[in-house]
């Protein structure tokens, strides 16, 4: 959160610094001392905002969730009405956020950190369950919505971990097929 003069709060500076470090060295090697130094704060200043590494990692995960939610809601205003709107929003948001860049590196780093403390993923589990509930409640073709969402989750996970065997053309074809599935349904 920025203050009224446009400067970032200490909390935001810390989260930005931690995200940069996670992208560079991974969450497993992240230290509070390194984050404080990168943020230009004392370790005491960092500990005031985040009393532990887990608290910092939780805040980073929550910030990513908030960014995804903001992106989805911004897309909602631009999205054409039609079938399976919630599924189209969920898949488009995920496709927009998983394609390279710092978000991908931070997400990958945080996933590694959760191996030590799987409970850090509880907020992500909640978001996934809420997405499923929205799809179930609002889909015109639930089978198509679930398949489309699952396909994009799989594609994004392959890309997040740099495991995707697909060329750009393959990927574009897959995305077009998913979009067709969500707008036209499953052929009988």
C-alpha atoms as a PDB file:
ATOM      1  CA  UNK A   1       0.000   0.000   0.000  1.00  0.00           C
ATOM      2  CA  UNK A   2       1.296   3.425  -0.900  1.00  0.00           C
ATOM      3  CA  UNK A   3       0.889   6.422   1.359  1.00  0.00           C
ATOM      4  CA  UNK A   4      -0.698   9.692   0.235  1.00  0.00           C
ATOM      5  CA  UNK A   5       2.577  11.007  -1.185  1.00  0.00           C
ATOM      6  CA  UNK A   6       2.998   8.016  -3.495  1.00  0.00           C
ATOM      7  CA  UNK A   7       5.798   6.376  -1.549  1.00  0.00           C
ATOM      8  CA  UNK A   8       5.641   2.710  -0.777  1.00  0.00           C
ATOM      9  CA  UNK A   9       5.083   1.618   2.795  1.00  0.00           C
ATOM     10  CA  UNK A  10       7.811  -0.333   4.571  1.00  0.00           C
ATOM     11  CA  UNK A  11       5.633  -3.414   4.216  1.00  0.00           C
ATOM     12  CA  UNK A  12       5.441  -3.005   0.420  1.00  0.00           C
ATOM     13  CA  UNK A  13       9.190  -2.320   0.174  1.00  0.00           C
ATOM     14  CA  UNK A  14       9.833  -5.525   2.112  1.00  0.00           C
ATOM     15  CA  UNK A  15       7.458  -7.574  -0.065  1.00  0.00           C
ATOM     16  CA  UNK A  16       9.029  -6.143  -3.238  1.00  0.00           C
ATOM     17  CA  UNK A  17      12.532  -6.904  -1.974  1.00  0.00           C
ATOM     18  CA  UNK A  18      11.551 -10.426  -0.949  1.00  0.00           C
ATOM     19  CA  UNK A  19       9.951 -11.060  -4.361  1.00  0.00           C
ATOM     20  CA  UNK A  20      13.127  -9.895  -6.116  1.00  0.00           C
ATOM     21  CA  UNK A  21      15.257 -12.164  -3.950  1.00  0.00           C
ATOM     22  CA  UNK A  22      12.964 -15.171  -4.369  1.00  0.00           C
ATOM     23  CA  UNK A  23      13.134 -14.677  -8.146  1.00  0.00           C
ATOM     24  CA  UNK A  24      16.936 -14.498  -7.969  1.00  0.00           C
ATOM     25  CA  UNK A  25      17.890 -17.107  -5.368  1.00  0.00           C
ATOM     26  CA  UNK A  26      14.698 -19.000  -4.473  1.00  0.00           C
ATOM     27  CA  UNK A  27      12.633 -18.990  -1.320  1.00  0.00           C
ATOM     28  CA  UNK A  28      14.655 -21.765   0.298  1.00  0.00           C
ATOM     29  CA  UNK A  29      17.757 -19.553   0.429  1.00  0.00           C
ATOM     30  CA  UNK A  30      15.855 -16.401   1.373  1.00  0.00           C
ATOM     31  CA  UNK A  31      16.936 -14.855   4.668  1.00  0.00           C
ATOM     32  CA  UNK A  32      15.374 -12.039   6.632  1.00  0.00           C
ATOM     33  CA  UNK A  33      18.766 -10.295   6.757  1.00  0.00           C
ATOM     34  CA  UNK A  34      18.989 -10.305   2.949  1.00  0.00           C
ATOM     35  CA  UNK A  35      15.427  -8.994   2.612  1.00  0.00           C
ATOM     36  CA  UNK A  36      16.062  -6.185   5.111  1.00  0.00           C
ATOM     37  CA  UNK A  37      19.246  -5.200   3.277  1.00  0.00           C
ATOM     38  CA  UNK A  38      17.534  -5.262  -0.141  1.00  0.00           C
ATOM     39  CA  UNK A  39      14.607  -3.212   1.212  1.00  0.00           C
ATOM     40  CA  UNK A  40      16.967  -0.669   2.785  1.00  0.00           C
ATOM     41  CA  UNK A  41      15.587  -1.278   6.264  1.00  0.00           C
ATOM     42  CA  UNK A  42      16.970  -2.524   9.533  1.00  0.00           C
ATOM     43  CA  UNK A  43      16.249  -6.104  10.488  1.00  0.00           C
ATOM     44  CA  UNK A  44      14.193  -4.695  13.360  1.00  0.00           C
ATOM     45  CA  UNK A  45      12.067  -2.785  10.851  1.00  0.00           C
ATOM     46  CA  UNK A  46      11.518  -5.958   8.891  1.00  0.00           C
ATOM     47  CA  UNK A  47      10.672  -7.956  12.024  1.00  0.00           C
ATOM     48  CA  UNK A  48       8.167  -5.284  13.058  1.00  0.00           C
ATOM     49  CA  UNK A  49       6.238  -6.001   9.840  1.00  0.00           C
ATOM     50  CA  UNK A  50       6.977  -9.715   9.542  1.00  0.00           C
ATOM     51  CA  UNK A  51       8.063 -11.466  12.751  1.00  0.00           C
ATOM     52  CA  UNK A  52       9.207 -14.617  10.917  1.00  0.00           C
ATOM     53  CA  UNK A  53      10.161 -15.929   7.510  1.00  0.00           C
ATOM     54  CA  UNK A  54       6.873 -17.856   7.379  1.00  0.00           C
ATOM     55  CA  UNK A  55       4.947 -14.621   8.052  1.00  0.00           C
ATOM     56  CA  UNK A  56       6.819 -12.979   5.182  1.00  0.00           C
ATOM     57  CA  UNK A  57       6.157 -15.920   2.856  1.00  0.00           C
ATOM     58  CA  UNK A  58       2.463 -15.913   3.847  1.00  0.00           C
ATOM     59  CA  UNK A  59       2.239 -12.218   3.004  1.00  0.00           C
ATOM     60  CA  UNK A  60       3.925 -12.833  -0.356  1.00  0.00           C
ATOM     61  CA  UNK A  61       1.442 -15.587  -1.172  1.00  0.00           C
ATOM     62  CA  UNK A  62      -1.469 -13.381  -0.113  1.00  0.00           C
ATOM     63  CA  UNK A  63      -0.171 -10.546  -2.275  1.00  0.00           C
ATOM     64  CA  UNK A  64      -0.033 -12.894  -5.281  1.00  0.00           C
ATOM     65  CA  UNK A  65      -3.604 -14.025  -4.559  1.00  0.00           C
ATOM     66  CA  UNK A  66      -4.695 -10.382  -4.336  1.00  0.00           C
ATOM     67  CA  UNK A  67      -2.972  -9.592  -7.655  1.00  0.00           C
ATOM     68  CA  UNK A  68      -4.735 -12.505  -9.344  1.00  0.00           C
ATOM     69  CA  UNK A  69      -8.086 -11.370  -7.907  1.00  0.00           C
ATOM     70  CA  UNK A  70      -7.524  -7.784  -9.070  1.00  0.00           C
ATOM     71  CA  UNK A  71      -6.546  -9.001 -12.523  1.00  0.00           C
ATOM     72  CA  UNK A  72      -9.636 -11.216 -12.752  1.00  0.00           C
ATOM     73  CA  UNK A  73     -11.950  -8.397 -11.714  1.00  0.00           C
ATOM     74  CA  UNK A  74     -10.328  -5.982 -14.188  1.00  0.00           C
ATOM     75  CA  UNK A  75     -10.899  -8.576 -16.925  1.00  0.00           C
ATOM     76  CA  UNK A  76     -14.529  -8.968 -15.847  1.00  0.00           C
ATOM     77  CA  UNK A  77     -15.237  -5.390 -16.972  1.00  0.00           C
ATOM     78  CA  UNK A  78     -13.710  -6.125 -20.413  1.00  0.00           C
ATOM     79  CA  UNK A  79     -15.010  -9.646 -20.980  1.00  0.00           C
ATOM     80  CA  UNK A  80     -17.718 -10.262 -23.540  1.00  0.00           C
ATOM     81  CA  UNK A  81     -20.907 -11.654 -22.034  1.00  0.00           C
ATOM     82  CA  UNK A  82     -21.653 -15.217 -22.965  1.00  0.00           C
ATOM     83  CA  UNK A  83     -21.459 -18.771 -21.755  1.00  0.00           C
ATOM     84  CA  UNK A  84     -19.182 -19.902 -18.962  1.00  0.00           C
ATOM     85  CA  UNK A  85     -18.124 -16.380 -18.006  1.00  0.00           C
ATOM     86  CA  UNK A  86     -16.532 -17.457 -14.699  1.00  0.00           C
ATOM     87  CA  UNK A  87     -14.530 -20.189 -16.432  1.00  0.00           C
ATOM     88  CA  UNK A  88     -13.424 -17.786 -19.162  1.00  0.00           C
ATOM     89  CA  UNK A  89     -12.363 -15.271 -16.497  1.00  0.00           C
ATOM     90  CA  UNK A  90     -10.478 -17.902 -14.482  1.00  0.00           C
ATOM     91  CA  UNK A  91      -8.659 -19.294 -17.511  1.00  0.00           C
ATOM     92  CA  UNK A  92      -7.820 -15.907 -19.086  1.00  0.00           C
ATOM     93  CA  UNK A  93      -6.516 -14.559 -15.770  1.00  0.00           C
ATOM     94  CA  UNK A  94      -4.314 -17.593 -15.265  1.00  0.00           C
ATOM     95  CA  UNK A  95      -3.013 -17.502 -18.830  1.00  0.00           C
ATOM     96  CA  UNK A  96      -2.185 -13.804 -18.486  1.00  0.00           C
ATOM     97  CA  UNK A  97      -0.304 -14.304 -15.228  1.00  0.00           C
ATOM     98  CA  UNK A  98       1.609 -17.505 -15.962  1.00  0.00           C
ATOM     99  CA  UNK A  99       3.415 -16.354 -19.083  1.00  0.00           C
ATOM    100  CA  UNK A 100       6.971 -15.594 -17.977  1.00  0.00           C
ATOM    101  CA  UNK A 101       8.091 -12.602 -15.970  1.00  0.00           C
ATOM    102  CA  UNK A 102       8.679 -12.006 -12.307  1.00  0.00           C
ATOM    103  CA  UNK A 103       5.309 -13.424 -11.191  1.00  0.00           C
ATOM    104  CA  UNK A 104       6.274 -16.821 -12.613  1.00  0.00           C
ATOM    105  CA  UNK A 105       9.673 -16.802 -10.896  1.00  0.00           C
ATOM    106  CA  UNK A 106       8.209 -15.739  -7.559  1.00  0.00           C
ATOM    107  CA  UNK A 107       5.410 -18.312  -7.777  1.00  0.00           C
ATOM    108  CA  UNK A 108       7.907 -21.071  -8.504  1.00  0.00           C
ATOM    109  CA  UNK A 109      10.115 -19.965  -5.619  1.00  0.00           C
ATOM    110  CA  UNK A 110       7.201 -19.871  -3.223  1.00  0.00           C
ATOM    111  CA  UNK A 111       6.062 -23.331  -4.284  1.00  0.00           C
ATOM    112  CA  UNK A 112       9.486 -24.655  -3.315  1.00  0.00           C
ATOM    113  CA  UNK A 113       9.233 -22.929   0.078  1.00  0.00           C
ATOM    114  CA  UNK A 114       5.916 -24.605   0.771  1.00  0.00           C
ATOM    115  CA  UNK A 115       7.611 -27.997   0.680  1.00  0.00           C
ATOM    116  CA  UNK A 116       9.000 -27.109   4.117  1.00  0.00           C
ATOM    117  CA  UNK A 117       5.665 -25.783   5.364  1.00  0.00           C
ATOM    118  CA  UNK A 118       2.713 -27.041   3.281  1.00  0.00           C
ATOM    119  CA  UNK A 119       0.271 -25.012   5.404  1.00  0.00           C
ATOM    120  CA  UNK A 120       1.556 -21.885   3.662  1.00  0.00           C
ATOM    121  CA  UNK A 121      -0.564 -23.038   0.716  1.00  0.00           C
ATOM    122  CA  UNK A 122      -3.817 -23.004   2.708  1.00  0.00           C
ATOM    123  CA  UNK A 123      -4.891 -19.629   1.234  1.00  0.00           C
ATOM    124  CA  UNK A 124      -4.206 -20.982  -2.272  1.00  0.00           C
ATOM    125  CA  UNK A 125      -6.297 -24.058  -1.484  1.00  0.00           C
ATOM    126  CA  UNK A 126      -9.106 -21.745  -0.401  1.00  0.00           C
ATOM    127  CA  UNK A 127      -8.916 -19.752  -3.655  1.00  0.00           C
ATOM    128  CA  UNK A 128      -8.987 -22.960  -5.700  1.00  0.00           C
ATOM    129  CA  UNK A 129     -12.025 -24.221  -3.777  1.00  0.00           C
ATOM    130  CA  UNK A 130     -13.768 -20.847  -4.230  1.00  0.00           C
ATOM    131  CA  UNK A 131     -13.031 -20.945  -7.967  1.00  0.00           C
ATOM    132  CA  UNK A 132     -14.540 -24.422  -8.202  1.00  0.00           C
ATOM    133  CA  UNK A 133     -17.611 -23.246  -6.283  1.00  0.00           C
ATOM    134  CA  UNK A 134     -18.007 -20.239  -8.648  1.00  0.00           C
ATOM    135  CA  UNK A 135     -17.691 -22.522 -11.671  1.00  0.00           C
ATOM    136  CA  UNK A 136     -20.276 -24.943 -10.283  1.00  0.00           C
ATOM    137  CA  UNK A 137     -22.710 -22.150  -9.457  1.00  0.00           C
ATOM    138  CA  UNK A 138     -22.316 -20.068 -12.616  1.00  0.00           C
ATOM    139  CA  UNK A 139     -21.409 -22.279 -15.571  1.00  0.00           C
ATOM    140  CA  UNK A 140     -23.751 -22.807 -18.486  1.00  0.00           C
ATOM    141  CA  UNK A 141     -21.845 -25.982 -19.376  1.00  0.00           C
ATOM    142  CA  UNK A 142     -20.154 -27.251 -16.226  1.00  0.00           C
ATOM    143  CA  UNK A 143     -18.311 -30.079 -18.008  1.00  0.00           C
ATOM    144  CA  UNK A 144     -16.746 -27.636 -20.481  1.00  0.00           C
ATOM    145  CA  UNK A 145     -15.967 -25.154 -17.697  1.00  0.00           C
ATOM    146  CA  UNK A 146     -14.225 -27.772 -15.563  1.00  0.00           C
ATOM    147  CA  UNK A 147     -12.237 -29.212 -18.480  1.00  0.00           C
ATOM    148  CA  UNK A 148     -11.179 -25.752 -19.677  1.00  0.00           C
ATOM    149  CA  UNK A 149     -10.099 -24.659 -16.213  1.00  0.00           C
ATOM    150  CA  UNK A 150      -8.226 -27.893 -15.587  1.00  0.00           C
ATOM    151  CA  UNK A 151      -6.472 -27.674 -18.967  1.00  0.00           C
ATOM    152  CA  UNK A 152      -5.266 -24.137 -18.256  1.00  0.00           C
ATOM    153  CA  UNK A 153      -4.129 -25.139 -14.761  1.00  0.00           C
ATOM    154  CA  UNK A 154      -2.092 -27.957 -16.318  1.00  0.00           C
ATOM    155  CA  UNK A 155      -0.626 -25.742 -19.027  1.00  0.00           C
ATOM    156  CA  UNK A 156       0.278 -23.015 -16.545  1.00  0.00           C
ATOM    157  CA  UNK A 157       1.928 -25.512 -14.214  1.00  0.00           C
ATOM    158  CA  UNK A 158       4.040 -26.884 -17.063  1.00  0.00           C
ATOM    159  CA  UNK A 159       5.046 -23.333 -17.962  1.00  0.00           C
ATOM    160  CA  UNK A 160       5.671 -22.281 -14.357  1.00  0.00           C
ATOM    161  CA  UNK A 161       8.175 -25.074 -13.935  1.00  0.00           C
ATOM    162  CA  UNK A 162       9.707 -24.645 -17.402  1.00  0.00           C
ATOM    163  CA  UNK A 163       8.525 -28.126 -18.376  1.00  0.00           C
ATOM    164  CA  UNK A 164       6.235 -27.239 -21.271  1.00  0.00           C
ATOM    165  CA  UNK A 165       7.045 -29.202 -24.437  1.00  0.00           C
ATOM    166  CA  UNK A 166       4.752 -26.947 -26.503  1.00  0.00           C
ATOM    167  CA  UNK A 167       5.932 -24.502 -29.151  1.00  0.00           C
ATOM    168  CA  UNK A 168       4.331 -21.072 -29.273  1.00  0.00           C
ATOM    169  CA  UNK A 169       2.136 -22.338 -32.110  1.00  0.00           C
ATOM    170  CA  UNK A 170       1.131 -25.428 -30.095  1.00  0.00           C
ATOM    171  CA  UNK A 171       0.306 -23.250 -27.112  1.00  0.00           C
ATOM    172  CA  UNK A 172      -1.784 -20.858 -29.192  1.00  0.00           C
ATOM    173  CA  UNK A 173      -3.686 -23.804 -30.667  1.00  0.00           C
ATOM    174  CA  UNK A 174      -4.338 -25.214 -27.179  1.00  0.00           C
ATOM    175  CA  UNK A 175      -5.576 -21.834 -25.908  1.00  0.00           C
ATOM    176  CA  UNK A 176      -7.879 -21.505 -28.934  1.00  0.00           C
ATOM    177  CA  UNK A 177      -9.255 -24.994 -28.284  1.00  0.00           C
ATOM    178  CA  UNK A 178      -9.887 -24.149 -24.636  1.00  0.00           C
ATOM    179  CA  UNK A 179     -11.650 -20.925 -25.623  1.00  0.00           C
ATOM    180  CA  UNK A 180     -13.769 -22.803 -28.153  1.00  0.00           C
ATOM    181  CA  UNK A 181     -14.626 -25.409 -25.521  1.00  0.00           C
ATOM    182  CA  UNK A 182     -15.718 -22.715 -23.071  1.00  0.00           C
ATOM    183  CA  UNK A 183     -17.822 -20.798 -25.581  1.00  0.00           C
ATOM    184  CA  UNK A 184     -19.281 -23.646 -27.657  1.00  0.00           C
ATOM    185  CA  UNK A 185     -19.330 -26.537 -25.156  1.00  0.00           C
ATOM    186  CA  UNK A 186     -18.487 -30.182 -25.543  1.00  0.00           C
ATOM    187  CA  UNK A 187     -19.538 -31.726 -28.859  1.00  0.00           C
ATOM    188  CA  UNK A 188     -21.928 -34.612 -28.335  1.00  0.00           C
END
